[in-house]
Each structure stands twice: as C-alpha cells, then as structure tokens.
Amino acid sequence: MSNSQMGKYVWASVLYYVAAVVGFLIAVPISMFGILWGVLAVIGYLTLITFLNFWRRRRHPRSAYQVELAKRRLDG
C-alpha cells in the first residue's frame, strides 16, 4: 500500500462525508416544499450516497479493484 493510494482514499472519504452532509442539508429544506419534493430529495440523496460510497470503496488501496489494477501494471 503506497502513500499516494492511501492519500487518494483519504480524500475520497473526505469528499464522501462532505457530500453526504451537504446533500442532507439540501434535502431537508427541499422536503418542506411538499411530499413529492421530499420524496425526490430523499431518493436523490440516497442515490448520491450510494454512488459516492461505491466510488470511495473502489479507491481503497486493498480493494479488489485496486489489487487488479496493480496486477495489470506489473504484468504490463
């Protein structure tokens, strides 16, 4: 595990948590406009969190994706 890989994972984690908080702070006021807007805000927030979590996990130095990339670099 190199420092640059861990640094990327740390920054991906920071971005994940910042986006989660900002998304929540945006979703709460939007939900006050009505039920439809509230449902759309919650669905959008959950979608954002799901995709950001998937993106963050792919950047972990010991993830299967990163291990496969390292193997390709060594083979090539």
PDB file of N, CA and C in Angstrom:
ATOM      1  N   MET A   1       0.858  -1.166   0.000  1.00  0.00           N
ATOM      2  CA  MET A   1       0.000   0.000   0.000  1.00  0.00           C
ATOM      3  C   MET A   1       0.906   1.231   0.000  1.00  0.00           C
ATOM      4  N   SER A   2       0.782   2.025  -1.038  1.00  0.00           N
ATOM      5  CA  SER A   2       1.626   3.214  -1.115  1.00  0.00           C
ATOM      6  C   SER A   2       0.914   4.406  -0.482  1.00  0.00           C
ATOM      7  N   ASN A   3       1.698   5.423  -0.187  1.00  0.00           N
ATOM      8  CA  ASN A   3       1.134   6.623   0.427  1.00  0.00           C
ATOM      9  C   ASN A   3       0.193   7.347  -0.515  1.00  0.00           C
ATOM     10  N   SER A   4       0.502   7.316  -1.820  1.00  0.00           N
ATOM     11  CA  SER A   4      -0.376   8.015  -2.764  1.00  0.00           C
ATOM     12  C   SER A   4      -1.738   7.336  -2.848  1.00  0.00           C
ATOM     13  N   GLN A   5      -1.753   5.997  -2.784  1.00  0.00           N
ATOM     14  CA  GLN A   5      -3.032   5.284  -2.801  1.00  0.00           C
ATOM     15  C   GLN A   5      -3.837   5.597  -1.547  1.00  0.00           C
ATOM     16  N   MET A   6      -3.179   5.605  -0.420  1.00  0.00           N
ATOM     17  CA  MET A   6      -3.882   5.897   0.829  1.00  0.00           C
ATOM     18  C   MET A   6      -4.353   7.340   0.836  1.00  0.00           C
ATOM     19  N   GLY A   7      -3.551   8.229   0.283  1.00  0.00           N
ATOM     20  CA  GLY A   7      -3.954   9.633   0.192  1.00  0.00           C
ATOM     21  C   GLY A   7      -5.197   9.807  -0.663  1.00  0.00           C
ATOM     22  N   LYS A   8      -5.257   9.070  -1.771  1.00  0.00           N
ATOM     23  CA  LYS A   8      -6.447   9.140  -2.630  1.00  0.00           C
ATOM     24  C   LYS A   8      -7.675   8.635  -1.880  1.00  0.00           C
ATOM     25  N   TYR A   9      -7.488   7.565  -1.118  1.00  0.00           N
ATOM     26  CA  TYR A   9      -8.615   7.020  -0.362  1.00  0.00           C
ATOM     27  C   TYR A   9      -9.071   7.997   0.716  1.00  0.00           C
ATOM     28  N   VAL A  10      -8.123   8.634   1.384  1.00  0.00           N
ATOM     29  CA  VAL A  10      -8.481   9.599   2.428  1.00  0.00           C
ATOM     30  C   VAL A  10      -9.262  10.756   1.821  1.00  0.00           C
ATOM     31  N   TRP A  11      -8.789  11.297   0.690  1.00  0.00           N
ATOM     32  CA  TRP A  11      -9.503  12.404   0.049  1.00  0.00           C
ATOM     33  C   TRP A  11     -10.859  11.959  -0.481  1.00  0.00           C
ATOM     34  N   ALA A  12     -10.955  10.715  -0.965  1.00  0.00           N
ATOM     35  CA  ALA A  12     -12.251  10.200  -1.405  1.00  0.00           C
ATOM     36  C   ALA A  12     -13.204  10.100  -0.215  1.00  0.00           C
ATOM     37  N   SER A  13     -12.689   9.705   0.937  1.00  0.00           N
ATOM     38  CA  SER A  13     -13.522   9.624   2.138  1.00  0.00           C
ATOM     39  C   SER A  13     -13.965  11.005   2.596  1.00  0.00           C
ATOM     40  N   VAL A  14     -13.055  11.971   2.541  1.00  0.00           N
ATOM     41  CA  VAL A  14     -13.413  13.342   2.919  1.00  0.00           C
ATOM     42  C   VAL A  14     -14.506  13.864   1.997  1.00  0.00           C
ATOM     43  N   LEU A  15     -14.337  13.653   0.689  1.00  0.00           N
ATOM     44  CA  LEU A  15     -15.349  14.089  -0.272  1.00  0.00           C
ATOM     45  C   LEU A  15     -16.687  13.404  -0.012  1.00  0.00           C
ATOM     46  N   TYR A  16     -16.647  12.115   0.310  1.00  0.00           N
ATOM     47  CA  TYR A  16     -17.868  11.359   0.595  1.00  0.00           C
ATOM     48  C   TYR A  16     -18.629  11.977   1.768  1.00  0.00           C
ATOM     49  N   TYR A  17     -17.936  12.245   2.866  1.00  0.00           N
ATOM     50  CA  TYR A  17     -18.616  12.774   4.043  1.00  0.00           C
ATOM     51  C   TYR A  17     -19.073  14.214   3.849  1.00  0.00           C
ATOM     52  N   VAL A  18     -18.290  15.016   3.143  1.00  0.00           N
ATOM     53  CA  VAL A  18     -18.711  16.393   2.855  1.00  0.00           C
ATOM     54  C   VAL A  18     -19.963  16.383   1.981  1.00  0.00           C
ATOM     55  N   ALA A  19     -19.959  15.553   0.938  1.00  0.00           N
ATOM     56  CA  ALA A  19     -21.124  15.475   0.052  1.00  0.00           C
ATOM     57  C   ALA A  19     -22.340  14.932   0.792  1.00  0.00           C
ATOM     58  N   ALA A  20     -22.125  13.995   1.716  1.00  0.00           N
ATOM     59  CA  ALA A  20     -23.244  13.452   2.489  1.00  0.00           C
ATOM     60  C   ALA A  20     -23.879  14.531   3.360  1.00  0.00           C
ATOM     61  N   VAL A  21     -23.057  15.331   4.000  1.00  0.00           N
ATOM     62  CA  VAL A  21     -23.584  16.393   4.866  1.00  0.00           C
ATOM     63  C   VAL A  21     -24.268  17.472   4.038  1.00  0.00           C
ATOM     64  N   VAL A  22     -23.628  17.907   2.958  1.00  0.00           N
ATOM     65  CA  VAL A  22     -24.223  18.943   2.106  1.00  0.00           C
ATOM     66  C   VAL A  22     -25.519  18.442   1.482  1.00  0.00           C
ATOM     67  N   GLY A  23     -25.517  17.199   1.017  1.00  0.00           N
ATOM     68  CA  GLY A  23     -26.740  16.625   0.448  1.00  0.00           C
ATOM     69  C   GLY A  23     -27.868  16.576   1.463  1.00  0.00           C
ATOM     70  N   PHE A  24     -27.545  16.213   2.692  1.00  0.00           N
ATOM     71  CA  PHE A  24     -28.557  16.181   3.741  1.00  0.00           C
ATOM     72  C   PHE A  24     -29.082  17.581   4.032  1.00  0.00           C
ATOM     73  N   LEU A  25     -28.161  18.552   4.087  1.00  0.00           N
ATOM     74  CA  LEU A  25     -28.579  19.928   4.368  1.00  0.00           C
ATOM     75  C   LEU A  25     -29.431  20.507   3.240  1.00  0.00           C
ATOM     76  N   ILE A  26     -29.267  20.020   2.038  1.00  0.00           N
ATOM     77  CA  ILE A  26     -30.103  20.460   0.917  1.00  0.00           C
ATOM     78  C   ILE A  26     -31.423  19.697   0.902  1.00  0.00           C
ATOM     79  N   ALA A  27     -31.386  18.404   1.235  1.00  0.00           N
ATOM     80  CA  ALA A  27     -32.591  17.574   1.177  1.00  0.00           C
ATOM     81  C   ALA A  27     -33.621  17.978   2.228  1.00  0.00           C
ATOM     82  N   VAL A  28     -33.181  18.396   3.389  1.00  0.00           N
ATOM     83  CA  VAL A  28     -34.121  18.757   4.455  1.00  0.00           C
ATOM     84  C   VAL A  28     -34.984  19.959   4.072  1.00  0.00           C
ATOM     85  N   PRO A  29     -34.417  21.085   3.625  1.00  0.00           N
ATOM     86  CA  PRO A  29     -35.286  22.211   3.246  1.00  0.00           C
ATOM     87  C   PRO A  29     -36.165  21.908   2.030  1.00  0.00           C
ATOM     88  N   ILE A  30     -35.658  21.127   1.088  1.00  0.00           N
ATOM     89  CA  ILE A  30     -36.469  20.790  -0.090  1.00  0.00           C
ATOM     90  C   ILE A  30     -37.687  19.977   0.327  1.00  0.00           C
ATOM     91  N   SER A  31     -37.533  19.121   1.324  1.00  0.00           N
ATOM     92  CA  SER A  31     -38.653  18.284   1.750  1.00  0.00           C
ATOM     93  C   SER A  31     -39.783  19.107   2.364  1.00  0.00           C
ATOM     94  N   MET A  32     -39.509  20.340   2.737  1.00  0.00           N
ATOM     95  CA  MET A  32     -40.553  21.199   3.303  1.00  0.00           C
ATOM     96  C   MET A  32     -41.474  21.779   2.231  1.00  0.00           C
ATOM     97  N   PHE A  33     -41.114  21.637   0.955  1.00  0.00           N
ATOM     98  CA  PHE A  33     -41.947  22.158  -0.129  1.00  0.00           C
ATOM     99  C   PHE A  33     -43.135  21.259  -0.442  1.00  0.00           C
ATOM    100  N   GLY A  34     -43.126  20.053   0.045  1.00  0.00           N
ATOM    101  CA  GLY A  34     -44.238  19.148  -0.197  1.00  0.00           C
ATOM    102  C   GLY A  34     -43.762  17.705  -0.232  1.00  0.00           C
ATOM    103  N   ILE A  35     -44.729  16.807  -0.277  1.00  0.00           N
ATOM    104  CA  ILE A  35     -44.408  15.382  -0.228  1.00  0.00           C
ATOM    105  C   ILE A  35     -43.627  14.943  -1.458  1.00  0.00           C
ATOM    106  N   LEU A  36     -44.053  15.383  -2.645  1.00  0.00           N
ATOM    107  CA  LEU A  36     -43.370  14.966  -3.872  1.00  0.00           C
ATOM    108  C   LEU A  36     -41.918  15.435  -3.874  1.00  0.00           C
ATOM    109  N   TRP A  37     -41.698  16.691  -3.519  1.00  0.00           N
ATOM    110  CA  TRP A  37     -40.335  17.206  -3.474  1.00  0.00           C
ATOM    111  C   TRP A  37     -39.529  16.490  -2.398  1.00  0.00           C
ATOM    112  N   GLY A  38     -40.172  16.156  -1.297  1.00  0.00           N
ATOM    113  CA  GLY A  38     -39.487  15.434  -0.227  1.00  0.00           C
ATOM    114  C   GLY A  38     -39.051  14.051  -0.659  1.00  0.00           C
ATOM    115  N   VAL A  39     -39.947  13.350  -1.354  1.00  0.00           N
ATOM    116  CA  VAL A  39     -39.609  12.009  -1.846  1.00  0.00           C
ATOM    117  C   VAL A  39     -38.472  12.098  -2.860  1.00  0.00           C
ATOM    118  N   LEU A  40     -38.560  13.069  -3.771  1.00  0.00           N
ATOM    119  CA  LEU A  40     -37.494  13.240  -4.764  1.00  0.00           C
ATOM    120  C   LEU A  40     -36.165  13.591  -4.094  1.00  0.00           C
ATOM    121  N   ALA A  41     -36.215  14.423  -3.066  1.00  0.00           N
ATOM    122  CA  ALA A  41     -34.992  14.797  -2.351  1.00  0.00           C
ATOM    123  C   ALA A  41     -34.378  13.590  -1.649  1.00  0.00           C
ATOM    124  N   VAL A  42     -35.205  12.770  -1.030  1.00  0.00           N
ATOM    125  CA  VAL A  42     -34.698  11.584  -0.329  1.00  0.00           C
ATOM    126  C   VAL A  42     -34.120  10.582  -1.321  1.00  0.00           C
ATOM    127  N   ILE A  43     -34.819  10.352  -2.438  1.00  0.00           N
ATOM    128  CA  ILE A  43     -34.316   9.425  -3.457  1.00  0.00           C
ATOM    129  C   ILE A  43     -32.988   9.937  -4.025  1.00  0.00           C
ATOM    130  N   GLY A  44     -32.923  11.229  -4.318  1.00  0.00           N
ATOM    131  CA  GLY A  44     -31.678  11.807  -4.826  1.00  0.00           C
ATOM    132  C   GLY A  44     -30.546  11.702  -3.825  1.00  0.00           C
ATOM    133  N   TYR A  45     -30.850  11.948  -2.558  1.00  0.00           N
ATOM    134  CA  TYR A  45     -29.835  11.864  -1.506  1.00  0.00           C
ATOM    135  C   TYR A  45     -29.315  10.433  -1.365  1.00  0.00           C
ATOM    136  N   LEU A  46     -30.220   9.464  -1.339  1.00  0.00           N
ATOM    137  CA  LEU A  46     -29.801   8.066  -1.211  1.00  0.00           C
ATOM    138  C   LEU A  46     -28.997   7.610  -2.423  1.00  0.00           C
ATOM    139  N   THR A  47     -29.391   8.064  -3.610  1.00  0.00           N
ATOM    140  CA  THR A  47     -28.640   7.733  -4.821  1.00  0.00           C
ATOM    141  C   THR A  47     -27.234   8.324  -4.759  1.00  0.00           C
ATOM    142  N   LEU A  48     -27.137   9.576  -4.338  1.00  0.00           N
ATOM    143  CA  LEU A  48     -25.832  10.231  -4.207  1.00  0.00           C
ATOM    144  C   LEU A  48     -24.942   9.476  -3.230  1.00  0.00           C
ATOM    145  N   ILE A  49     -25.476   9.123  -2.088  1.00  0.00           N
ATOM    146  CA  ILE A  49     -24.697   8.418  -1.068  1.00  0.00           C
ATOM    147  C   ILE A  49     -24.253   7.049  -1.574  1.00  0.00           C
ATOM    148  N   THR A  50     -25.147   6.340  -2.265  1.00  0.00           N
ATOM    149  CA  THR A  50     -24.810   5.016  -2.785  1.00  0.00           C
ATOM    150  C   THR A  50     -23.667   5.095  -3.788  1.00  0.00           C
ATOM    151  N   PHE A  51     -23.773   6.001  -4.751  1.00  0.00           N
ATOM    152  CA  PHE A  51     -22.728   6.112  -5.762  1.00  0.00           C
ATOM    153  C   PHE A  51     -21.408   6.621  -5.178  1.00  0.00           C
ATOM    154  N   LEU A  52     -21.467   7.568  -4.259  1.00  0.00           N
ATOM    155  CA  LEU A  52     -20.235   8.058  -3.646  1.00  0.00           C
ATOM    156  C   LEU A  52     -19.564   6.984  -2.793  1.00  0.00           C
ATOM    157  N   ASN A  53     -20.343   6.170  -2.110  1.00  0.00           N
ATOM    158  CA  ASN A  53     -19.774   5.094  -1.307  1.00  0.00           C
ATOM    159  C   ASN A  53     -19.108   4.057  -2.204  1.00  0.00           C
ATOM    160  N   PHE A  54     -19.763   3.720  -3.323  1.00  0.00           N
ATOM    161  CA  PHE A  54     -19.176   2.792  -4.287  1.00  0.00           C
ATOM    162  C   PHE A  54     -17.869   3.361  -4.830  1.00  0.00           C
ATOM    163  N   TRP A  55     -17.867   4.647  -5.179  1.00  0.00           N
ATOM    164  CA  TRP A  55     -16.680   5.308  -5.718  1.00  0.00           C
ATOM    165  C   TRP A  55     -15.551   5.327  -4.687  1.00  0.00           C
ATOM    166  N   ARG A  56     -15.904   5.596  -3.433  1.00  0.00           N
ATOM    167  CA  ARG A  56     -14.907   5.664  -2.358  1.00  0.00           C
ATOM    168  C   ARG A  56     -14.288   4.293  -2.103  1.00  0.00           C
ATOM    169  N   ARG A  57     -15.103   3.253  -2.106  1.00  0.00           N
ATOM    170  CA  ARG A  57     -14.586   1.909  -1.842  1.00  0.00           C
ATOM    171  C   ARG A  57     -13.643   1.432  -2.944  1.00  0.00           C
ATOM    172  N   ARG A  58     -13.901   1.851  -4.183  1.00  0.00           N
ATOM    173  CA  ARG A  58     -13.011   1.457  -5.279  1.00  0.00           C
ATOM    174  C   ARG A  58     -11.634   2.078  -5.124  1.00  0.00           C
ATOM    175  N   ARG A  59     -11.530   3.163  -4.380  1.00  0.00           N
ATOM    176  CA  ARG A  59     -10.248   3.820  -4.209  1.00  0.00           C
ATOM    177  C   ARG A  59      -9.466   3.312  -3.005  1.00  0.00           C
ATOM    178  N   HIS A  60     -10.046   2.410  -2.229  1.00  0.00           N
ATOM    179  CA  HIS A  60      -9.310   1.858  -1.095  1.00  0.00           C
ATOM    180  C   HIS A  60      -8.146   1.018  -1.623  1.00  0.00           C
ATOM    181  N   PRO A  61      -6.938   1.204  -1.071  1.00  0.00           N
ATOM    182  CA  PRO A  61      -5.757   0.507  -1.595  1.00  0.00           C
ATOM    183  C   PRO A  61      -5.870  -1.012  -1.591  1.00  0.00           C
ATOM    184  N   ARG A  62      -6.661  -1.577  -0.718  1.00  0.00           N
ATOM    185  CA  ARG A  62      -6.772  -3.034  -0.663  1.00  0.00           C
ATOM    186  C   ARG A  62      -8.057  -3.559  -1.297  1.00  0.00           C
ATOM    187  N   SER A  63      -8.770  -2.719  -2.025  1.00  0.00           N
ATOM    188  CA  SER A  63      -9.986  -3.192  -2.681  1.00  0.00           C
ATOM    189  C   SER A  63      -9.621  -4.121  -3.830  1.00  0.00           C
ATOM    190  N   ALA A  64     -10.550  -4.967  -4.220  1.00  0.00           N
ATOM    191  CA  ALA A  64     -10.309  -5.900  -5.324  1.00  0.00           C
ATOM    192  C   ALA A  64      -9.976  -5.143  -6.602  1.00  0.00           C
ATOM    193  N   TYR A  65     -10.608  -4.010  -6.800  1.00  0.00           N
ATOM    194  CA  TYR A  65     -10.354  -3.203  -7.992  1.00  0.00           C
ATOM    195  C   TYR A  65      -8.913  -2.700  -8.009  1.00  0.00           C
ATOM    196  N   GLN A  66      -8.424  -2.192  -6.905  1.00  0.00           N
ATOM    197  CA  GLN A  66      -7.054  -1.679  -6.839  1.00  0.00           C
ATOM    198  C   GLN A  66      -6.033  -2.808  -6.949  1.00  0.00           C
ATOM    199  N   VAL A  67      -6.339  -3.966  -6.378  1.00  0.00           N
ATOM    200  CA  VAL A  67      -5.437  -5.114  -6.492  1.00  0.00           C
ATOM    201  C   VAL A  67      -5.336  -5.547  -7.948  1.00  0.00           C
ATOM    202  N   GLU A  68      -6.462  -5.578  -8.646  1.00  0.00           N
ATOM    203  CA  GLU A  68      -6.470  -5.947 -10.064  1.00  0.00           C
ATOM    204  C   GLU A  68      -5.682  -4.929 -10.893  1.00  0.00           C
ATOM    205  N   LEU A  69      -5.835  -3.644 -10.591  1.00  0.00           N
ATOM    206  CA  LEU A  69      -5.056  -2.623 -11.305  1.00  0.00           C
ATOM    207  C   LEU A  69      -3.558  -2.817 -11.081  1.00  0.00           C
ATOM    208  N   ALA A  70      -3.173  -3.138  -9.856  1.00  0.00           N
ATOM    209  CA  ALA A  70      -1.759  -3.359  -9.555  1.00  0.00           C
ATOM    210  C   ALA A  70      -1.220  -4.564 -10.318  1.00  0.00           C
ATOM    211  N   LYS A  71      -2.013  -5.626 -10.419  1.00  0.00           N
ATOM    212  CA  LYS A  71      -1.588  -6.809 -11.175  1.00  0.00           C
ATOM    213  C   LYS A  71      -1.398  -6.460 -12.647  1.00  0.00           C
ATOM    214  N   ARG A  72      -2.313  -5.678 -13.195  1.00  0.00           N
ATOM    215  CA  ARG A  72      -2.195  -5.283 -14.606  1.00  0.00           C
ATOM    216  C   ARG A  72      -0.937  -4.455 -14.832  1.00  0.00           C
ATOM    217  N   ARG A  73      -0.619  -3.581 -13.890  1.00  0.00           N
ATOM    218  CA  ARG A  73       0.579  -2.746 -14.036  1.00  0.00           C
ATOM    219  C   ARG A  73       1.846  -3.598 -13.987  1.00  0.00           C
ATOM    220  N   LEU A  74       1.843  -4.613 -13.124  1.00  0.00           N
ATOM    221  CA  LEU A  74       3.013  -5.476 -13.020  1.00  0.00           C
ATOM    222  C   LEU A  74       3.162  -6.365 -14.248  1.00  0.00           C
ATOM    223  N   ASP A  75       2.042  -6.819 -14.804  1.00  0.00           N
ATOM    224  CA  ASP A  75       2.087  -7.678 -15.991  1.00  0.00           C
ATOM    225  C   ASP A  75       2.466  -6.893 -17.240  1.00  0.00           C
ATOM    226  N   GLY A  76       2.083  -5.619 -17.282  1.00  0.00           N
ATOM    227  CA  GLY A  76       2.297  -4.814 -18.495  1.00  0.00           C
ATOM    228  C   GLY A  76       3.558  -4.119 -18.498  1.00  0.00           C
TER     229      GLY A  76
END
